[in-house]
C-alpha atoms as a PDB file:
ATOM      1  CA  MET A   1      21.443 -23.922  69.154  1.00  0.00           C
ATOM      2  CA  ASN A   2      24.463 -21.901  70.276  1.00  0.00           C
ATOM      3  CA  ILE A   3      24.552 -18.146  70.858  1.00  0.00           C
ATOM      4  CA  SER A   4      26.223 -17.398  67.511  1.00  0.00           C
ATOM      5  CA  LYS A   5      23.556 -19.210  65.494  1.00  0.00           C
ATOM      6  CA  GLY A   6      20.782 -17.611  67.509  1.00  0.00           C
ATOM      7  CA  TYR A   7      22.274 -14.177  66.964  1.00  0.00           C
ATOM      8  CA  LEU A   8      22.546 -14.685  63.205  1.00  0.00           C
ATOM      9  CA  LEU A   9      18.993 -16.024  62.975  1.00  0.00           C
ATOM     10  CA  THR A  10      17.756 -13.016  64.945  1.00  0.00           C
ATOM     11  CA  LEU A  11      19.520 -10.686  62.512  1.00  0.00           C
ATOM     12  CA  VAL A  12      17.979 -12.577  59.588  1.00  0.00           C
ATOM     13  CA  LEU A  13      14.479 -12.178  61.040  1.00  0.00           C
ATOM     14  CA  ILE A  14      15.001  -8.483  61.797  1.00  0.00           C
ATOM     15  CA  PHE A  15      16.319  -7.593  58.350  1.00  0.00           C
ATOM     16  CA  ALA A  16      13.768  -9.840  56.633  1.00  0.00           C
ATOM     17  CA  TYR A  17      11.005  -7.938  58.441  1.00  0.00           C
ATOM     18  CA  LEU A  18      12.520  -4.540  57.558  1.00  0.00           C
ATOM     19  CA  SER A  19      12.978  -5.614  53.935  1.00  0.00           C
ATOM     20  CA  TRP A  20       9.340  -6.730  53.807  1.00  0.00           C
ATOM     21  CA  GLN A  21       8.290  -3.300  55.053  1.00  0.00           C
ATOM     22  CA  LEU A  22      10.215  -1.789  52.138  1.00  0.00           C
ATOM     23  CA  VAL A  23       8.473  -4.062  49.646  1.00  0.00           C
ATOM     24  CA  VAL A  24       4.893  -3.727  50.928  1.00  0.00           C
ATOM     25  CA  PRO A  25       4.227  -0.186  49.562  1.00  0.00           C
ATOM     26  CA  PHE A  26       5.116  -1.398  46.063  1.00  0.00           C
ATOM     27  CA  LEU A  27       4.011  -5.023  46.349  1.00  0.00           C
ATOM     28  CA  GLN A  28       1.711  -4.796  43.302  1.00  0.00           C
ATOM     29  CA  TYR A  29       4.568  -3.578  41.122  1.00  0.00           C
ATOM     30  CA  VAL A  30       7.052  -6.115  42.485  1.00  0.00           C
ATOM     31  CA  LEU A  31       4.585  -8.897  41.688  1.00  0.00           C
ATOM     32  CA  LEU A  32       4.083  -7.400  38.223  1.00  0.00           C
ATOM     33  CA  ALA A  33       7.840  -7.514  37.622  1.00  0.00           C
ATOM     34  CA  VAL A  34       8.005 -11.133  38.812  1.00  0.00           C
ATOM     35  CA  LEU A  35       5.088 -12.112  36.563  1.00  0.00           C
ATOM     36  CA  LEU A  36       6.577 -10.466  33.465  1.00  0.00           C
ATOM     37  CA  ALA A  37      10.012 -11.912  34.243  1.00  0.00           C
ATOM     38  CA  PHE A  38       8.528 -15.400  34.474  1.00  0.00           C
ATOM     39  CA  LEU A  39       6.802 -14.984  31.116  1.00  0.00           C
ATOM     40  CA  LEU A  40       9.807 -13.466  29.346  1.00  0.00           C
ATOM     41  CA  PHE A  41      12.668 -15.461  30.878  1.00  0.00           C
ATOM     42  CA  PRO A  42      12.505 -18.276  28.282  1.00  0.00           C
ATOM     43  CA  LEU A  43      12.964 -15.610  25.580  1.00  0.00           C
ATOM     44  CA  GLN A  44      15.835 -14.125  27.562  1.00  0.00           C
ATOM     45  CA  GLN A  45      17.627 -17.483  27.581  1.00  0.00           C
ATOM     46  CA  ARG A  46      17.197 -17.840  23.821  1.00  0.00           C
ATOM     47  CA  LEU A  47      18.344 -14.313  23.045  1.00  0.00           C
ATOM     48  CA  GLU A  48      21.462 -14.735  25.161  1.00  0.00           C
ATOM     49  CA  SER A  49      22.676 -17.196  22.538  1.00  0.00           C
ATOM     50  CA  TYR A  50      22.913 -14.323  20.047  1.00  0.00           C
ATOM     51  CA  ILE A  51      23.425 -11.113  22.033  1.00  0.00           C
ATOM     52  CA  SER A  52      24.654 -10.105  25.484  1.00  0.00           C
ATOM     53  CA  PRO A  53      22.406 -10.578  28.552  1.00  0.00           C
ATOM     54  CA  MET A  54      22.239  -6.797  29.003  1.00  0.00           C
ATOM     55  CA  LEU A  55      20.987  -6.118  25.463  1.00  0.00           C
ATOM     56  CA  SER A  56      18.533  -9.002  25.529  1.00  0.00           C
ATOM     57  CA  ALA A  57      17.132  -7.826  28.884  1.00  0.00           C
ATOM     58  CA  LEU A  58      16.751  -4.262  27.565  1.00  0.00           C
ATOM     59  CA  ALA A  59      14.995  -5.552  24.442  1.00  0.00           C
ATOM     60  CA  LEU A  60      12.577  -7.609  26.522  1.00  0.00           C
ATOM     61  CA  VAL A  61      11.851  -4.684  28.849  1.00  0.00           C
ATOM     62  CA  LEU A  62      10.889  -2.645  25.768  1.00  0.00           C
ATOM     63  CA  LEU A  63       8.774  -5.580  24.611  1.00  0.00           C
ATOM     64  CA  ALA A  64       7.050  -5.656  27.997  1.00  0.00           C
ATOM     65  CA  ILE A  65       6.300  -1.927  27.749  1.00  0.00           C
ATOM     66  CA  VAL A  66       4.923  -2.152  24.216  1.00  0.00           C
ATOM     67  CA  GLY A  67       3.272  -5.546  24.469  1.00  0.00           C
ATOM     68  CA  PHE A  68       1.926  -5.580  28.036  1.00  0.00           C
ATOM     69  CA  ILE A  69       2.007  -2.308  29.944  1.00  0.00           C
ATOM     70  CA  VAL A  70       0.868   0.151  27.242  1.00  0.00           C
ATOM     71  CA  PRO A  71      -2.014  -2.079  26.024  1.00  0.00           C
ATOM     72  CA  PHE A  72      -3.069  -2.620  29.636  1.00  0.00           C
ATOM     73  CA  LEU A  73      -3.131   1.129  30.298  1.00  0.00           C
ATOM     74  CA  LEU A  74      -5.096   1.758  27.089  1.00  0.00           C
ATOM     75  CA  VAL A  75      -7.644  -0.906  27.947  1.00  0.00           C
ATOM     76  CA  ALA A  76      -7.907   0.454  31.491  1.00  0.00           C
ATOM     77  CA  ALA A  77      -8.564   3.936  30.078  1.00  0.00           C
ATOM     78  CA  VAL A  78     -11.355   2.625  27.821  1.00  0.00           C
ATOM     79  CA  ILE A  79     -12.905   0.680  30.686  1.00  0.00           C
ATOM     80  CA  ALA A  80     -12.735   3.733  32.963  1.00  0.00           C
ATOM     81  CA  ASP A  81     -14.398   5.840  30.259  1.00  0.00           C
ATOM     82  CA  ASP A  82     -17.215   3.308  29.925  1.00  0.00           C
ATOM     83  CA  ALA A  83     -17.648   3.208  33.697  1.00  0.00           C
ATOM     84  CA  ALA A  84     -17.823   7.024  33.739  1.00  0.00           C
ATOM     85  CA  ASN A  85     -20.453   6.915  31.012  1.00  0.00           C
ATOM     86  CA  LEU A  86     -22.516   4.555  33.131  1.00  0.00           C
ATOM     87  CA  LEU A  87     -22.409   7.013  36.021  1.00  0.00           C
ATOM     88  CA  GLN A  88     -23.153  10.007  33.799  1.00  0.00           C
ATOM     89  CA  SER A  89     -26.222   8.251  32.425  1.00  0.00           C
ATOM     90  CA  LEU A  90     -27.772   8.691  35.862  1.00  0.00           C
ATOM     91  CA  ASP A  91     -28.690  12.341  35.182  1.00  0.00           C
ATOM     92  CA  ALA A  92     -31.539  14.355  36.637  1.00  0.00           C
ATOM     93  CA  ASP A  93     -33.936  13.449  33.819  1.00  0.00           C
ATOM     94  CA  THR A  94     -33.249   9.748  34.205  1.00  0.00           C
ATOM     95  CA  LEU A  95     -33.792   9.942  37.939  1.00  0.00           C
ATOM     96  CA  GLN A  96     -37.017  11.979  37.415  1.00  0.00           C
ATOM     97  CA  VAL A  97     -36.249  14.391  40.242  1.00  0.00           C
ATOM     98  CA  SER A  98     -39.611  16.171  40.151  1.00  0.00           C
ATOM     99  CA  GLU A  99     -41.527  12.931  40.548  1.00  0.00           C
ATOM    100  CA  LEU A 100     -39.229  11.919  43.388  1.00  0.00           C
ATOM    101  CA  GLU A 101     -39.877  15.265  45.117  1.00  0.00           C
ATOM    102  CA  SER A 102     -43.626  14.766  44.763  1.00  0.00           C
ATOM    103  CA  THR A 103     -43.414  11.283  46.207  1.00  0.00           C
ATOM    104  CA  ILE A 104     -41.446  12.530  49.222  1.00  0.00           C
ATOM    105  CA  GLU A 105     -44.003  15.289  49.820  1.00  0.00           C
ATOM    106  CA  GLU A 106     -46.915  12.830  49.598  1.00  0.00           C
ATOM    107  CA  GLN A 107     -45.297  10.372  51.994  1.00  0.00           C
ATOM    108  CA  THR A 108     -43.890  12.809  54.557  1.00  0.00           C
ATOM    109  CA  GLY A 109     -45.848  16.008  54.074  1.00  0.00           C
ATOM    110  CA  MET A 110     -42.604  17.912  53.691  1.00  0.00           C
ATOM    111  CA  GLU A 111     -41.904  20.056  50.641  1.00  0.00           C
ATOM    112  CA  VAL A 112     -38.365  19.498  49.367  1.00  0.00           C
ATOM    113  CA  ASP A 113     -36.244  20.890  46.546  1.00  0.00           C
ATOM    114  CA  LEU A 114     -33.637  18.256  45.782  1.00  0.00           C
ATOM    115  CA  LEU A 115     -31.888  20.283  43.080  1.00  0.00           C
ATOM    116  CA  ALA A 116     -31.580  23.294  45.385  1.00  0.00           C
ATOM    117  CA  THR A 117     -30.255  21.058  48.131  1.00  0.00           C
ATOM    118  CA  ALA A 118     -27.754  19.594  45.720  1.00  0.00           C
ATOM    119  CA  ALA A 119     -26.709  23.091  44.660  1.00  0.00           C
ATOM    120  CA  ASP A 120     -26.200  24.085  48.284  1.00  0.00           C
ATOM    121  CA  SER A 121     -24.017  21.024  48.697  1.00  0.00           C
ATOM    122  CA  ALA A 122     -21.930  21.833  45.626  1.00  0.00           C
ATOM    123  CA  GLN A 123     -19.624  24.111  47.576  1.00  0.00           C
ATOM    124  CA  GLU A 124     -18.972  21.394  50.134  1.00  0.00           C
ATOM    125  CA  VAL A 125     -18.358  18.893  47.355  1.00  0.00           C
ATOM    126  CA  GLY A 126     -15.919  21.307  45.705  1.00  0.00           C
ATOM    127  CA  THR A 127     -14.055  21.655  48.979  1.00  0.00           C
ATOM    128  CA  MET A 128     -13.835  17.881  49.275  1.00  0.00           C
ATOM    129  CA  VAL A 129     -12.474  17.652  45.723  1.00  0.00           C
ATOM    130  CA  LEU A 130      -9.785  20.205  46.523  1.00  0.00           C
ATOM    131  CA  GLU A 131      -8.861  18.297  49.656  1.00  0.00           C
ATOM    132  CA  GLN A 132      -8.575  15.110  47.634  1.00  0.00           C
ATOM    133  CA  ALA A 133      -6.362  16.727  44.987  1.00  0.00           C
ATOM    134  CA  THR A 134      -3.249  16.061  47.050  1.00  0.00           C
ATOM    135  CA  ALA A 135      -4.285  12.444  47.523  1.00  0.00           C
ATOM    136  CA  TRP A 136      -4.836  12.003  43.775  1.00  0.00           C
ATOM    137  CA  PHE A 137      -1.461  13.569  43.014  1.00  0.00           C
ATOM    138  CA  SER A 138       0.176  11.292  45.579  1.00  0.00           C
ATOM    139  CA  ALA A 139      -1.507   8.230  44.037  1.00  0.00           C
ATOM    140  CA  LEU A 140      -0.353   9.228  40.552  1.00  0.00           C
ATOM    141  CA  THR A 141       3.206   9.777  41.786  1.00  0.00           C
ATOM    142  CA  HIS A 142       3.144   6.421  43.562  1.00  0.00           C
ATOM    143  CA  ALA A 143       1.941   4.700  40.371  1.00  0.00           C
ATOM    144  CA  LEU A 144       4.673   6.281  38.242  1.00  0.00           C
ATOM    145  CA  ILE A 145       7.371   5.360  40.771  1.00  0.00           C
ATOM    146  CA  GLY A 146       5.924   1.854  41.029  1.00  0.00           C
ATOM    147  CA  LEU A 147       5.967   1.334  37.268  1.00  0.00           C
ATOM    148  CA  GLY A 148       9.547   2.579  37.114  1.00  0.00           C
ATOM    149  CA  LEU A 149      10.502   0.194  39.906  1.00  0.00           C
ATOM    150  CA  ALA A 150       8.754  -2.689  38.142  1.00  0.00           C
ATOM    151  CA  LEU A 151      10.710  -2.026  34.938  1.00  0.00           C
ATOM    152  CA  PHE A 152      14.037  -1.840  36.785  1.00  0.00           C
ATOM    153  CA  LEU A 153      13.262  -5.066  38.649  1.00  0.00           C
ATOM    154  CA  LEU A 154      12.202  -6.728  35.409  1.00  0.00           C
ATOM    155  CA  TYR A 155      15.486  -5.760  33.766  1.00  0.00           C
ATOM    156  CA  TYR A 156      17.612  -7.216  36.552  1.00  0.00           C
ATOM    157  CA  LEU A 157      15.459 -10.312  36.958  1.00  0.00           C
ATOM    158  CA  LEU A 158      15.985 -11.057  33.271  1.00  0.00           C
ATOM    159  CA  LYS A 159      19.645 -10.074  33.131  1.00  0.00           C
ATOM    160  CA  ASN A 160      20.645 -11.912  36.324  1.00  0.00           C
ATOM    161  CA  GLY A 161      17.947 -14.573  36.266  1.00  0.00           C
ATOM    162  CA  ASP A 162      20.353 -17.496  35.897  1.00  0.00           C
ATOM    163  CA  ASP A 163      22.492 -16.257  38.795  1.00  0.00           C
ATOM    164  CA  LEU A 164      19.383 -15.781  40.938  1.00  0.00           C
ATOM    165  CA  LEU A 165      18.136 -19.302  40.238  1.00  0.00           C
ATOM    166  CA  GLU A 166      21.568 -20.735  41.003  1.00  0.00           C
ATOM    167  CA  TRP A 167      21.707 -18.789  44.283  1.00  0.00           C
ATOM    168  CA  ILE A 168      18.253 -20.095  45.261  1.00  0.00           C
ATOM    169  CA  ARG A 169      19.393 -23.647  44.568  1.00  0.00           C
ATOM    170  CA  GLU A 170      22.516 -23.185  46.672  1.00  0.00           C
ATOM    171  CA  MET A 171      20.573 -21.692  49.571  1.00  0.00           C
ATOM    172  CA  THR A 172      17.864 -24.387  49.501  1.00  0.00           C
ATOM    173  CA  PRO A 173      18.734 -27.235  51.925  1.00  0.00           C
ATOM    174  CA  LEU A 174      17.336 -29.961  49.682  1.00  0.00           C
ATOM    175  CA  PRO A 175      19.033 -32.536  47.424  1.00  0.00           C
ATOM    176  CA  MET A 176      19.278 -31.431  43.804  1.00  0.00           C
ATOM    177  CA  ASP A 177      16.901 -34.123  42.534  1.00  0.00           C
ATOM    178  CA  VAL A 178      14.241 -33.045  45.042  1.00  0.00           C
ATOM    179  CA  GLN A 179      14.763 -29.418  44.016  1.00  0.00           C
ATOM    180  CA  ASP A 180      14.350 -30.452  40.376  1.00  0.00           C
ATOM    181  CA  ASP A 181      11.016 -32.089  41.202  1.00  0.00           C
ATOM    182  CA  LEU A 182       9.863 -29.172  43.342  1.00  0.00           C
ATOM    183  CA  TYR A 183      10.779 -26.374  40.936  1.00  0.00           C
ATOM    184  CA  GLY A 184       9.542 -28.359  37.954  1.00  0.00           C
ATOM    185  CA  GLU A 185       6.141 -28.837  39.582  1.00  0.00           C
ATOM    186  CA  LEU A 186       5.985 -25.170  40.608  1.00  0.00           C
ATOM    187  CA  ASN A 187       6.822 -24.146  37.053  1.00  0.00           C
ATOM    188  CA  ASP A 188       4.012 -26.345  35.723  1.00  0.00           C
ATOM    189  CA  VAL A 189       1.550 -24.851  38.226  1.00  0.00           C
ATOM    190  CA  MET A 190       2.528 -21.314  37.228  1.00  0.00           C
ATOM    191  CA  TRP A 191       2.084 -21.996  33.521  1.00  0.00           C
ATOM    192  CA  ALA A 192      -1.163 -23.907  34.122  1.00  0.00           C
ATOM    193  CA  VAL A 193      -2.636 -20.894  35.934  1.00  0.00           C
ATOM    194  CA  LEU A 194      -1.363 -18.258  33.500  1.00  0.00           C
ATOM    195  CA  VAL A 195      -2.050 -20.100  30.259  1.00  0.00           C
ATOM    196  CA  GLY A 196      -4.722 -22.613  31.209  1.00  0.00           C
ATOM    197  CA  HIS A 197      -6.913 -20.214  33.156  1.00  0.00           C
ATOM    198  CA  VAL A 198      -5.917 -16.563  32.828  1.00  0.00           C
ATOM    199  CA  LEU A 199      -5.284 -16.681  29.077  1.00  0.00           C
ATOM    200  CA  ILE A 200      -8.396 -18.767  28.459  1.00  0.00           C
ATOM    201  CA  ALA A 201     -10.459 -16.344  30.560  1.00  0.00           C
ATOM    202  CA  ILE A 202      -9.176 -13.424  28.485  1.00  0.00           C
ATOM    203  CA  ILE A 203      -9.977 -15.288  25.254  1.00  0.00           C
ATOM    204  CA  GLU A 204     -13.484 -16.181  26.436  1.00  0.00           C
ATOM    205  CA  GLY A 205     -14.199 -12.664  27.664  1.00  0.00           C
ATOM    206  CA  VAL A 206     -12.961 -11.060  24.441  1.00  0.00           C
ATOM    207  CA  ILE A 207     -14.900 -13.533  22.265  1.00  0.00           C
ATOM    208  CA  ALA A 208     -18.107 -12.756  24.138  1.00  0.00           C
ATOM    209  CA  GLY A 209     -17.253  -9.047  24.207  1.00  0.00           C
ATOM    210  CA  LEU A 210     -16.970  -8.871  20.435  1.00  0.00           C
ATOM    211  CA  ALA A 211     -20.599  -9.986  20.235  1.00  0.00           C
ATOM    212  CA  LEU A 212     -21.599  -7.199  22.629  1.00  0.00           C
ATOM    213  CA  PHE A 213     -19.971  -4.634  20.339  1.00  0.00           C
ATOM    214  CA  VAL A 214     -21.654  -6.113  17.262  1.00  0.00           C
ATOM    215  CA  VAL A 215     -25.184  -6.075  18.714  1.00  0.00           C
ATOM    216  CA  GLY A 216     -24.712  -2.585  20.134  1.00  0.00           C
ATOM    217  CA  ILE A 217     -24.741  -3.177  23.886  1.00  0.00           C
ATOM    218  CA  PRO A 218     -23.882   0.139  25.612  1.00  0.00           C
ATOM    219  CA  ASN A 219     -20.468   0.371  27.291  1.00  0.00           C
ATOM    220  CA  ALA A 220     -19.398  -2.951  25.762  1.00  0.00           C
ATOM    221  CA  ALA A 221     -15.726  -2.482  26.750  1.00  0.00           C
ATOM    222  CA  PHE A 222     -16.641  -2.282  30.429  1.00  0.00           C
ATOM    223  CA  TRP A 223     -18.822  -5.394  30.244  1.00  0.00           C
ATOM    224  CA  THR A 224     -16.111  -7.244  28.317  1.00  0.00           C
ATOM    225  CA  PHE A 225     -13.714  -6.545  31.185  1.00  0.00           C
ATOM    226  CA  ILE A 226     -16.312  -7.846  33.645  1.00  0.00           C
ATOM    227  CA  MET A 227     -16.680 -11.046  31.598  1.00  0.00           C
ATOM    228  CA  VAL A 228     -12.913 -11.582  31.604  1.00  0.00           C
ATOM    229  CA  ILE A 229     -12.857 -11.309  35.408  1.00  0.00           C
ATOM    230  CA  LEU A 230     -15.888 -13.595  35.778  1.00  0.00           C
ATOM    231  CA  SER A 231     -14.339 -16.146  33.401  1.00  0.00           C
ATOM    232  CA  LEU A 232     -11.444 -16.519  35.837  1.00  0.00           C
ATOM    233  CA  VAL A 233     -13.858 -18.073  38.333  1.00  0.00           C
ATOM    234  CA  PRO A 234     -14.979 -21.600  37.396  1.00  0.00           C
ATOM    235  CA  LEU A 235     -18.706 -22.349  37.305  1.00  0.00           C
ATOM    236  CA  ILE A 236     -19.550 -18.633  36.968  1.00  0.00           C
ATOM    237  CA  GLY A 237     -18.063 -17.074  33.875  1.00  0.00           C
ATOM    238  CA  ALA A 238     -19.324 -14.837  31.096  1.00  0.00           C
ATOM    239  CA  PRO A 239     -23.001 -15.981  31.117  1.00  0.00           C
ATOM    240  CA  LEU A 240     -23.601 -13.635  34.047  1.00  0.00           C
ATOM    241  CA  VAL A 241     -23.166 -10.799  31.530  1.00  0.00           C
ATOM    242  CA  TRP A 242     -24.307 -12.047  28.136  1.00  0.00           C
ATOM    243  CA  ILE A 243     -27.564 -13.578  29.428  1.00  0.00           C
ATOM    244  CA  PRO A 244     -28.772 -10.254  30.934  1.00  0.00           C
ATOM    245  CA  ALA A 245     -27.513  -8.536  27.757  1.00  0.00           C
ATOM    246  CA  SER A 246     -29.709 -10.842  25.669  1.00  0.00           C
ATOM    247  CA  ILE A 247     -32.685 -10.073  27.913  1.00  0.00           C
ATOM    248  CA  TYR A 248     -31.947  -6.350  27.535  1.00  0.00           C
ATOM    249  CA  LEU A 249     -32.096  -6.678  23.758  1.00  0.00           C
ATOM    250  CA  VAL A 250     -35.468  -8.412  24.000  1.00  0.00           C
ATOM    251  CA  VAL A 251     -36.779  -5.624  26.241  1.00  0.00           C
ATOM    252  CA  ILE A 252     -35.741  -2.889  23.801  1.00  0.00           C
ATOM    253  CA  GLY A 253     -37.402  -4.738  20.921  1.00  0.00           C
ATOM    254  CA  GLU A 254     -34.478  -6.537  19.284  1.00  0.00           C
ATOM    255  CA  PRO A 255     -35.372 -10.242  19.618  1.00  0.00           C
ATOM    256  CA  LEU A 256     -33.275 -11.336  16.614  1.00  0.00           C
ATOM    257  CA  LEU A 257     -30.149  -9.668  18.007  1.00  0.00           C
ATOM    258  CA  ALA A 258     -30.913 -11.190  21.400  1.00  0.00           C
ATOM    259  CA  ALA A 259     -31.219 -14.672  19.920  1.00  0.00           C
ATOM    260  CA  GLY A 260     -28.034 -14.205  17.897  1.00  0.00           C
ATOM    261  CA  LEU A 261     -26.092 -13.023  20.942  1.00  0.00           C
ATOM    262  CA  ALA A 262     -27.341 -15.899  23.088  1.00  0.00           C
ATOM    263  CA  ILE A 263     -26.659 -18.583  20.460  1.00  0.00           C
ATOM    264  CA  TYR A 264     -23.222 -17.187  19.584  1.00  0.00           C
ATOM    265  CA  SER A 265     -22.156 -16.845  23.225  1.00  0.00           C
ATOM    266  CA  ALA A 266     -23.471 -20.239  24.283  1.00  0.00           C
ATOM    267  CA  ILE A 267     -21.815 -22.093  21.398  1.00  0.00           C
ATOM    268  CA  VAL A 268     -18.540 -20.241  20.815  1.00  0.00           C
ATOM    269  CA  VAL A 269     -17.727 -19.394  24.431  1.00  0.00           C
ATOM    270  CA  GLY A 270     -18.923 -22.813  25.548  1.00  0.00           C
ATOM    271  CA  VAL A 271     -16.686 -24.568  23.021  1.00  0.00           C
ATOM    272  CA  ALA A 272     -13.698 -22.463  24.115  1.00  0.00           C
ATOM    273  CA  ASP A 273     -14.286 -23.395  27.748  1.00  0.00           C
ATOM    274  CA  ASP A 274     -15.060 -27.078  27.190  1.00  0.00           C
ATOM    275  CA  TYR A 275     -12.292 -27.863  24.698  1.00  0.00           C
ATOM    276  CA  LEU A 276      -9.611 -25.181  24.703  1.00  0.00           C
ATOM    277  CA  ARG A 277      -9.118 -25.076  28.479  1.00  0.00           C
ATOM    278  CA  PRO A 278      -8.561 -28.859  28.935  1.00  0.00           C
ATOM    279  CA  VAL A 279      -6.172 -28.988  25.966  1.00  0.00           C
ATOM    280  CA  VAL A 280      -4.046 -26.179  27.397  1.00  0.00           C
ATOM    281  CA  VAL A 281      -4.178 -27.329  31.017  1.00  0.00           C
ATOM    282  CA  ASP A 282      -3.223 -30.918  30.129  1.00  0.00           C
ATOM    283  CA  ARG A 283       0.103 -29.601  28.846  1.00  0.00           C
ATOM    284  CA  TYR A 284       1.030 -28.409  32.308  1.00  0.00           C
ATOM    285  CA  ALA A 285      -0.690 -29.283  35.582  1.00  0.00           C
ATOM    286  CA  GLU A 286      -4.244 -30.249  36.452  1.00  0.00           C
ATOM    287  CA  ILE A 287      -5.620 -27.727  38.937  1.00  0.00           C
ATOM    288  CA  SER A 288      -8.915 -28.224  40.730  1.00  0.00           C
ATOM    289  CA  PRO A 289     -11.612 -25.582  40.164  1.00  0.00           C
ATOM    290  CA  ALA A 290     -11.756 -25.223  43.946  1.00  0.00           C
ATOM    291  CA  VAL A 291      -8.121 -24.088  43.928  1.00  0.00           C
ATOM    292  CA  ILE A 292      -8.874 -21.538  41.217  1.00  0.00           C
ATOM    293  CA  ILE A 293     -11.943 -20.150  43.005  1.00  0.00           C
ATOM    294  CA  LEU A 294     -10.151 -19.853  46.352  1.00  0.00           C
ATOM    295  CA  GLY A 295      -7.025 -18.461  44.714  1.00  0.00           C
ATOM    296  CA  VAL A 296      -8.795 -15.828  42.598  1.00  0.00           C
ATOM    297  CA  LEU A 297     -11.184 -14.554  45.264  1.00  0.00           C
ATOM    298  CA  GLY A 298      -8.715 -14.742  48.139  1.00  0.00           C
ATOM    299  CA  GLY A 299      -5.878 -13.435  45.963  1.00  0.00           C
ATOM    300  CA  ILE A 300      -7.741 -10.221  45.164  1.00  0.00           C
ATOM    301  CA  TYR A 301      -8.131  -9.468  48.860  1.00  0.00           C
ATOM    302  CA  ALA A 302      -4.539 -10.446  49.700  1.00  0.00           C
ATOM    303  CA  PHE A 303      -2.608  -9.021  46.722  1.00  0.00           C
ATOM    304  CA  GLY A 304      -5.013  -6.678  44.933  1.00  0.00           C
ATOM    305  CA  ILE A 305      -5.344  -6.963  41.154  1.00  0.00           C
ATOM    306  CA  MET A 306      -2.198  -9.110  40.935  1.00  0.00           C
ATOM    307  CA  GLY A 307      -3.966 -11.644  43.130  1.00  0.00           C
ATOM    308  CA  LEU A 308      -5.909 -12.720  40.038  1.00  0.00           C
ATOM    309  CA  PHE A 309      -2.654 -14.296  38.870  1.00  0.00           C
ATOM    310  CA  PHE A 310      -0.778 -15.125  42.065  1.00  0.00           C
ATOM    311  CA  GLY A 311      -3.685 -16.305  44.230  1.00  0.00           C
ATOM    312  CA  PRO A 312      -4.207 -19.627  42.413  1.00  0.00           C
ATOM    313  CA  VAL A 313      -0.431 -20.013  42.091  1.00  0.00           C
ATOM    314  CA  VAL A 314       0.031 -19.739  45.861  1.00  0.00           C
ATOM    315  CA  VAL A 315      -2.620 -22.374  46.610  1.00  0.00           C
ATOM    316  CA  GLY A 316      -1.353 -24.620  43.814  1.00  0.00           C
ATOM    317  CA  ALA A 317       2.213 -24.209  45.081  1.00  0.00           C
ATOM    318  CA  LEU A 318       1.156 -25.298  48.573  1.00  0.00           C
ATOM    319  CA  ILE A 319      -0.414 -28.455  47.156  1.00  0.00           C
ATOM    320  CA  THR A 320       2.735 -29.092  45.102  1.00  0.00           C
ATOM    321  CA  VAL A 321       5.043 -28.682  48.107  1.00  0.00           C
ATOM    322  CA  LEU A 322       2.880 -31.060  50.141  1.00  0.00           C
ATOM    323  CA  GLU A 323       3.035 -33.646  47.332  1.00  0.00           C
ATOM    324  CA  VAL A 324       6.823 -33.376  47.068  1.00  0.00           C
ATOM    325  CA  LEU A 325       7.089 -33.589  50.853  1.00  0.00           C
ATOM    326  CA  ASP A 326       4.943 -36.724  50.890  1.00  0.00           C
ATOM    327  CA  GLU A 327       7.026 -38.356  48.147  1.00  0.00           C
ATOM    328  CA  ASP A 328      10.464 -37.559  49.575  1.00  0.00           C
ATOM    329  CA  TYR A 329       9.921 -37.164  53.312  1.00  0.00           C
ATOM    330  CA  ASP A 330      11.155 -40.611  54.320  1.00  0.00           C
ATOM    331  CA  ARG A 331      14.293 -40.338  52.186  1.00  0.00           C
ATOM    332  CA  LEU A 332      15.063 -36.843  53.464  1.00  0.00           C
ATOM    333  CA  GLU A 333      14.616 -38.021  57.051  1.00  0.00           C
ATOM    334  CA  GLU A 334      17.025 -40.902  56.453  1.00  0.00           C
ATOM    335  CA  GLU A 335      19.630 -38.610  54.882  1.00  0.00           C
ATOM    336  CA  HIS A 336      19.284 -36.207  57.808  1.00  0.00           C
ATOM    337  CA  GLY A 337      19.778 -39.075  60.251  1.00  0.00           C
ATOM    338  CA  MET A 338      22.928 -40.189  58.418  1.00  0.00           C
ATOM    339  CA  THR A 339      24.412 -36.712  58.687  1.00  0.00           C
END
């Protein structure tokens, strides 16, 4: 390697690192834009046959706001309200403070007044809340800026998507047929994860959640969200919620509702998992449950909430690249030797 090439590669590494530092604070929102662009790009290509790329991209950004972002925010608000209700249910009467004070006195010989202690701590808690106000305001500002950035990125990814894909192809040092295989397999992996696992998990969680609403389980929206998340992980799924919910109904004296919830969840959710998932996945790529488990759990730690989607994609993409490398390595080595 000569000095000129080394210098250019050094510049590439430096500016790649600096660019990454710019992306990291808004990584969740960048990944959101990429995810929505992937889902909406086929529609963008169809609309461009009738209207300009700019108008079609604007229309799809509005669709993303109405069809994805606003419903997500509304659902998040309902879930947060249910979670708050769960915390509020732990009031002084529920905790039986007087009995707890008596128990402490019997065990330690010390007379305590927990409510008075809590009241004395209220001022300190209020001070902490005031100190956190700036942090909350900063988080809200960051979220608003991030959503705005995601929408701008989505617009340009849709509008200039064809140019971006062409640029990636030109910059990739692989023969076109190998690129076709590679990008085709990656596309199948992405759709298999999003449709074959994420969408099915949402369907299963919502199906089971409807039963929770019908039988009157408290904070059903929150538990529906939990079932959706659990359904993303193979071999775990919604039973971790609806089985305890059925037991809860038996405890409160509603055995018929408990039996109905258990039978409905076992049959309907089970049928959706056993039949709907294979039908959808077979249209795209077969992904091992181990890949999904590793991708979902590791993705949450690596990418936050967006890791639920991108974690399995990353692991599946690695497997795909290794398969393409195994299939074409000898030919690529020969072509390199000829040049």
